[in-house]
Protein backbone atom coordinates (compact mmCIF):
# COMPACT_ATOMS: atom_id res chain seq x y z
CA MET A 1 115.41 135.51 64.29
CA PRO A 2 113.63 134.56 61.01
CA GLU A 3 110.81 132.09 61.47
CA GLN A 4 112.10 129.75 58.75
CA LEU A 5 115.48 129.53 60.50
CA LEU A 6 113.76 128.57 63.74
CA PHE A 7 111.79 125.88 61.92
CA ALA A 8 115.03 124.59 60.40
CA MET A 9 116.67 124.43 63.84
CA GLU A 10 113.73 122.44 65.22
CA VAL A 11 113.80 120.10 62.22
CA THR A 12 117.54 119.57 62.71
CA LEU A 13 117.10 118.64 66.36
CA ASN A 14 114.31 116.21 65.53
CA GLY A 15 116.47 114.78 62.75
CA LEU A 16 119.25 114.12 65.26
CA MET A 17 116.77 112.29 67.49
CA ALA A 18 115.48 110.19 64.57
CA GLY A 19 119.05 109.42 63.55
CA VAL A 20 119.75 107.96 66.98
CA LEU A 21 116.88 105.51 66.54
CA TYR A 22 118.24 104.48 63.12
CA ALA A 23 121.68 104.04 64.65
CA LEU A 24 120.35 101.73 67.36
CA VAL A 25 119.27 99.26 64.68
CA ALA A 26 122.52 99.70 62.74
CA LEU A 27 124.53 98.84 65.87
CA GLY A 28 123.27 95.26 65.74
CA PHE A 29 124.43 94.91 62.13
CA VAL A 30 127.86 96.31 63.00
CA LEU A 31 128.31 94.02 66.00
CA ILE A 32 127.71 90.83 64.05
CA TYR A 33 129.60 91.93 60.93
CA LYS A 34 132.58 93.20 62.95
CA ALA A 35 132.84 90.01 64.98
CA SER A 36 131.93 87.31 62.47
CA GLY A 37 132.01 88.81 58.99
CA ILE A 38 128.29 88.03 58.57
CA PHE A 39 125.89 90.65 57.26
CA ASN A 40 122.83 89.86 59.38
CA PHE A 41 119.74 90.59 57.30
CA ALA A 42 117.65 89.35 60.23
CA GLN A 43 118.57 92.18 62.60
CA GLY A 44 115.35 94.12 62.00
CA VAL A 45 113.25 91.01 62.57
CA MET A 46 115.22 90.35 65.75
CA ALA A 47 114.10 93.78 66.98
CA LEU A 48 110.51 92.81 66.14
CA PHE A 49 110.84 89.42 67.85
CA ALA A 50 112.34 91.00 70.97
CA ALA A 51 109.61 93.65 71.18
CA MET A 52 106.83 91.09 70.61
CA THR A 53 108.32 88.82 73.27
CA LEU A 54 108.61 91.70 75.73
CA VAL A 55 104.97 92.71 75.23
CA GLY A 56 103.82 89.07 75.46
CA ILE A 57 105.67 88.54 78.75
CA MET A 58 104.42 91.83 80.22
CA GLU A 59 100.81 90.98 79.35
CA GLY A 60 101.10 87.41 80.63
CA GLN A 61 100.19 85.98 77.24
CA VAL A 62 100.49 82.24 76.68
CA PRO A 63 103.08 81.60 73.92
CA PHE A 64 101.70 79.70 70.90
CA SER A 65 98.18 80.12 72.30
CA HIS A 66 96.60 80.18 68.83
CA LEU A 67 98.35 76.93 67.92
CA ILE A 68 97.49 75.30 71.25
CA ASN A 69 93.85 76.29 71.01
CA GLY A 70 93.63 75.13 67.41
CA VAL A 71 95.10 71.71 68.19
CA LEU A 72 93.48 71.04 71.58
CA GLY A 73 90.22 72.94 71.09
CA THR A 74 90.85 75.07 74.20
CA ASP A 75 90.36 78.82 74.64
CA VAL A 76 93.39 79.86 76.69
CA HIS A 77 95.18 83.10 75.87
CA HIS A 78 96.60 84.56 79.10
CA PHE A 79 98.05 83.23 82.34
CA GLY A 80 96.08 85.81 84.34
CA TRP A 81 98.98 87.92 85.55
CA HIS A 82 101.04 90.90 84.38
CA VAL A 83 104.82 91.14 84.67
CA PRO A 84 106.53 94.42 85.66
CA GLY A 85 108.51 96.07 82.86
CA ALA A 86 111.97 95.68 84.43
CA LEU A 87 111.47 91.96 85.11
CA ALA A 88 109.97 91.44 81.65
CA ILE A 89 113.04 93.06 80.07
CA LEU A 90 115.34 90.70 82.00
CA LEU A 91 113.28 87.70 80.92
CA THR A 92 113.35 88.90 77.31
CA VAL A 93 117.14 89.23 77.48
CA GLY A 94 117.18 85.57 78.56
CA VAL A 95 115.02 84.64 75.57
CA MET A 96 117.39 86.50 73.22
CA VAL A 97 120.37 84.62 74.69
CA ILE A 98 118.56 81.33 74.09
CA LEU A 99 117.83 82.49 70.54
CA ALA A 100 121.53 83.31 70.06
CA TRP A 101 122.50 79.83 71.23
CA ALA A 102 119.93 78.24 68.89
CA VAL A 103 121.11 80.30 65.90
CA GLN A 104 124.69 79.24 66.50
CA ARG A 105 123.84 75.62 67.32
CA PHE A 106 121.50 74.88 64.44
CA VAL A 107 122.62 77.29 61.71
CA PHE A 108 126.05 78.91 61.79
CA ARG A 109 127.87 76.06 63.48
CA HIS A 110 127.50 74.21 60.19
CA LEU A 111 128.61 77.16 58.03
CA VAL A 112 132.10 77.83 59.33
CA ASN A 113 134.41 79.08 56.53
CA GLN A 114 131.60 79.18 53.98
CA GLU A 115 131.44 81.98 51.42
CA PRO A 116 129.95 85.29 52.64
CA ILE A 117 127.02 84.99 50.22
CA ILE A 118 126.04 81.67 51.83
CA LEU A 119 126.11 83.22 55.30
CA PHE A 120 124.08 86.17 54.02
CA MET A 121 121.45 83.86 52.51
CA ALA A 122 121.29 82.01 55.83
CA THR A 123 120.39 85.27 57.61
CA ILE A 124 117.63 85.93 55.05
CA GLY A 125 116.16 82.54 55.87
CA LEU A 126 116.56 83.30 59.57
CA ALA A 127 114.68 86.59 59.12
CA TYR A 128 111.64 84.90 57.59
CA PHE A 129 111.76 82.12 60.18
CA LEU A 130 111.79 84.60 63.08
CA GLU A 131 108.98 86.61 61.54
CA GLY A 132 106.83 83.50 61.29
CA LEU A 133 107.85 82.40 64.80
CA SER A 134 106.82 85.81 66.20
CA ASP A 135 103.43 85.51 64.54
CA LEU A 136 102.97 81.95 65.79
CA MET A 137 104.08 82.74 69.36
CA TRP A 138 102.39 86.07 69.99
CA GLY A 139 99.91 86.72 67.16
CA SER A 140 99.92 89.47 64.56
CA GLU A 141 97.90 92.18 66.33
CA ILE A 142 99.36 95.65 66.80
CA ARG A 143 100.43 96.10 70.42
CA THR A 144 101.23 99.08 72.58
CA LEU A 145 104.46 98.93 74.57
CA ASN A 146 104.87 100.84 77.80
CA VAL A 147 107.89 100.11 80.00
CA GLY A 148 107.74 103.43 81.82
CA LEU A 149 109.79 105.54 79.42
CA PRO A 150 108.80 109.23 79.33
CA GLN A 151 106.97 110.40 76.23
CA GLY A 152 105.55 113.62 74.89
CA ILE A 153 106.98 117.11 74.54
CA ASN A 154 109.90 118.09 76.76
CA GLU A 155 108.53 121.05 78.67
CA THR A 156 111.96 122.36 79.67
CA ILE A 157 113.25 122.58 76.09
CA ASP A 158 109.94 124.06 74.97
CA ARG A 159 110.08 126.74 77.67
CA VAL A 160 113.77 127.59 77.24
CA THR A 161 113.57 127.89 73.46
CA TYR A 162 110.41 129.97 73.74
CA ASP A 163 112.15 132.36 76.15
CA LEU A 164 115.18 132.61 73.83
CA PHE A 165 113.53 132.75 70.41
CA GLY A 166 109.83 133.32 70.99
CA TYR A 167 109.19 129.85 69.53
CA GLY A 168 109.12 126.62 71.52
CA PHE A 169 110.84 123.58 70.02
CA PHE A 170 108.93 120.29 70.09
CA ILE A 171 111.38 117.59 71.21
CA ASP A 172 110.00 114.23 72.36
CA ASN A 173 111.21 112.96 75.75
CA LEU A 174 111.47 109.44 74.31
CA ASP A 175 113.94 110.67 71.68
CA ILE A 176 116.08 112.24 74.39
CA VAL A 177 116.08 108.98 76.38
CA ALA A 178 117.00 107.06 73.22
CA SER A 179 119.92 109.41 72.62
CA VAL A 180 121.27 108.89 76.13
CA ILE A 181 120.88 105.10 75.89
CA ALA A 182 122.56 105.02 72.48
CA ALA A 183 125.52 107.02 73.79
CA LEU A 184 125.92 104.66 76.75
CA LEU A 185 125.62 101.61 74.47
CA VAL A 186 128.27 102.89 72.09
CA ALA A 187 130.67 103.66 74.92
CA ALA A 188 130.13 100.23 76.49
CA LEU A 189 130.47 98.35 73.18
CA VAL A 190 133.62 100.22 72.17
CA ALA A 191 135.18 99.55 75.57
CA PHE A 192 134.16 95.87 75.38
CA SER A 193 135.55 95.49 71.87
CA GLN A 194 138.86 97.19 72.57
CA TYR A 195 139.75 96.34 76.16
CA THR A 196 138.37 92.91 76.99
CA LYS A 197 139.66 89.46 76.14
CA GLN A 198 136.32 88.49 74.64
CA GLY A 199 136.27 91.62 72.48
CA ARG A 200 139.69 90.90 71.06
CA ALA A 201 138.64 87.30 70.44
CA MET A 202 135.60 88.55 68.52
CA ARG A 203 137.84 90.59 66.21
CA ALA A 204 140.16 87.61 65.71
CA VAL A 205 137.24 85.39 64.70
CA ALA A 206 136.10 88.00 62.17
CA ASP A 207 139.55 88.12 60.58
CA ASP A 208 140.04 84.37 60.17
CA HIS A 209 137.96 81.52 61.58
CA GLN A 210 140.66 78.86 61.23
CA ALA A 211 143.42 81.06 62.68
CA ALA A 212 141.19 81.85 65.66
CA LEU A 213 140.56 78.16 66.22
CA SER A 214 144.29 77.43 66.01
CA VAL A 215 145.05 79.73 68.95
CA GLY A 216 142.35 78.22 71.14
CA ILE A 217 139.43 80.59 70.57
CA SER A 218 136.08 78.82 70.70
CA LEU A 219 134.00 79.78 67.68
CA ASN A 220 130.87 78.44 69.33
CA TYR A 221 131.30 80.63 72.41
CA ILE A 222 132.20 83.75 70.43
CA TRP A 223 129.28 83.44 68.04
CA VAL A 224 126.81 82.88 70.90
CA LEU A 225 128.30 85.96 72.60
CA VAL A 226 128.06 88.05 69.43
CA TRP A 227 124.47 87.06 68.65
CA SER A 228 123.53 87.62 72.30
CA LEU A 229 124.93 91.17 72.17
CA ALA A 230 123.16 91.79 68.87
CA GLY A 231 119.97 90.42 70.41
CA PHE A 232 120.32 92.82 73.34
CA VAL A 233 120.82 95.75 70.97
CA ALA A 234 117.79 94.55 68.97
CA LEU A 235 115.77 94.52 72.20
CA VAL A 236 116.79 98.11 72.99
CA ALA A 237 115.90 99.20 69.45
CA GLY A 238 112.62 97.27 69.63
CA ILE A 239 111.70 98.98 72.92
CA MET A 240 112.40 102.45 71.52
CA TRP A 241 110.65 101.92 68.18
CA GLY A 242 107.83 99.89 69.75
CA THR A 243 107.16 102.57 72.36
CA LYS A 244 107.22 105.24 69.67
CA SER A 245 105.09 103.64 66.97
CA GLY A 246 103.61 100.46 68.44
CA VAL A 247 104.76 96.86 68.16
CA GLN A 248 103.70 95.63 64.74
CA PHE A 249 105.19 93.63 61.90
CA SER A 250 106.23 96.75 59.99
CA LEU A 251 108.80 97.14 62.80
CA SER A 252 110.97 94.61 60.97
CA LEU A 253 111.30 97.06 58.06
CA ILE A 254 113.44 99.44 60.13
CA ALA A 255 116.36 97.27 59.05
CA LEU A 256 115.98 98.72 55.55
CA LYS A 257 116.56 102.24 56.90
CA ALA A 258 119.63 100.98 58.76
CA LEU A 259 121.32 99.95 55.49
CA PRO A 260 122.12 103.52 54.35
CA VAL A 261 123.36 104.22 57.88
CA LEU A 262 125.83 101.35 57.56
CA MET A 263 126.97 102.50 54.13
CA LEU A 264 127.74 105.95 55.46
CA GLY A 265 129.32 104.97 58.76
CA GLY A 266 131.05 101.78 57.67
CA PHE A 267 130.12 98.17 58.37
CA THR A 268 132.92 97.69 60.93
CA SER A 269 132.67 100.86 63.01
CA ILE A 270 130.49 101.16 66.10
CA PRO A 271 130.90 104.97 66.35
CA GLY A 272 130.35 105.08 62.58
CA ALA A 273 126.87 103.61 63.07
CA ILE A 274 125.98 106.53 65.31
CA VAL A 275 127.50 109.17 63.02
CA GLY A 276 125.85 107.60 59.96
CA GLY A 277 122.50 107.52 61.74
CA LEU A 278 122.78 111.19 62.69
CA ILE A 279 123.70 112.19 59.13
CA ILE A 280 120.77 110.24 57.68
CA GLY A 281 118.34 111.52 60.31
CA VAL A 282 119.28 115.18 59.91
CA GLY A 283 119.75 114.95 56.14
CA GLU A 284 116.35 113.47 55.36
CA LYS A 285 114.50 115.88 57.66
CA LEU A 286 116.25 118.99 56.31
CA PHE A 287 115.94 117.81 52.71
CA GLU A 288 112.20 117.31 53.17
CA PHE A 289 111.91 120.70 54.88
CA LEU A 290 113.86 122.60 52.22
CA LEU A 291 113.03 120.79 48.99
CA GLY A 292 110.24 118.33 49.78
CA SER A 293 107.38 120.45 48.50
CA ALA A 294 109.25 121.30 45.28
CA LEU A 295 109.89 117.59 44.59
CA GLY A 296 106.38 116.37 45.35
CA GLY A 297 106.95 115.41 49.00
CA ALA A 298 107.77 112.06 50.64
CA THR A 299 111.48 112.58 50.01
CA GLU A 300 112.25 110.90 53.36
CA ASN A 301 111.39 107.58 51.71
CA TRP A 302 114.29 107.76 49.26
CA PHE A 303 116.75 110.43 50.38
CA ALA A 304 118.81 108.06 52.54
CA TYR A 305 119.25 105.55 49.72
CA VAL A 306 120.34 108.19 47.20
CA LEU A 307 122.90 109.49 49.71
CA ALA A 308 124.11 105.92 50.33
CA LEU A 309 124.46 105.38 46.58
CA LEU A 310 126.71 108.43 46.32
CA PHE A 311 128.87 107.06 49.13
CA LEU A 312 129.11 103.70 47.38
CA LEU A 313 130.38 105.46 44.27
CA PHE A 314 133.01 107.63 45.93
CA ARG A 315 133.78 106.06 49.33
CA PRO A 316 132.43 102.50 49.44
CA GLN A 317 134.00 101.70 52.83
CA GLY A 318 132.04 104.55 54.48
CA LEU A 319 133.33 107.32 56.69
CA PHE A 320 134.82 105.08 59.36
CA GLY A 321 135.05 101.68 57.66
CA GLU A 322 138.30 99.91 57.00
CA LYS A 323 139.56 100.15 53.45
CA ILE A 324 140.20 96.67 52.13
CA ILE A 325 143.26 96.24 49.95
CA GLU A 326 143.66 92.90 48.22
CA ARG A 327 147.03 91.95 46.77
CA VAL A 328 147.05 89.60 43.81
């Protein structure tokens, strides 16, 4: 088999793995938009906040230690213990639920039935607030995150592909784990949305806040539930990205790569987030492999946005989004 074809196959597989990581971030956007009609610009920062909180809990760091030391003149940074990864994840989930309650209680409770642009601007403010809160709580240093997930080359795939083609494919174990987790998340979220009372209530709230209230659906409860689910998805995405590239403030920028994913898959489709992520992941890797050198390189930085622009021109609702028809 030609060597270039083997390289292309390896690039495609790695693109699929990268696409899954993009899709994990996009899932949080879809959840909130599908259930409340709010485009949550803060989703990427929520992933950062969740990852920073997880690392801080695992390391036994004192929250707001820099502020406390500055005000009281002390020099306290750690409690002196370390928390196991599984317990730290559970505690972080609790923090994200508290955050969801606070977001609903102090922000969106007061914005019921406001224009979408107002809700969107509120999420921009929330993003900057959470970024500052993360810095204040845990500091701005780059952290390593290790919750026991396997990393490094998958020896089985390397051996099997070498036996078949004479060339071993490099596939990261972490990417494989992320793919499995993403598949389970999608299945669980689709089942929750379609077959549970709370899922149907979420869709009703997204369609019309006042109509949902009139049939006895609690907006407060649904929004806390939605933001809690989005916070959990942000935590999963933060764990995967933080384990892969370290927990740092550039982690919040992964939300920008999720935008083309949403435009391709559709803002209201959970499976669409996965499909869009896979298309973006494979597309940008293959485009760089085939044409990157001819175009000066670094095409991965802009390929996804050009592809999203084409979709906006010819299919603005995305592959799986609902086409909106307004009668006047």
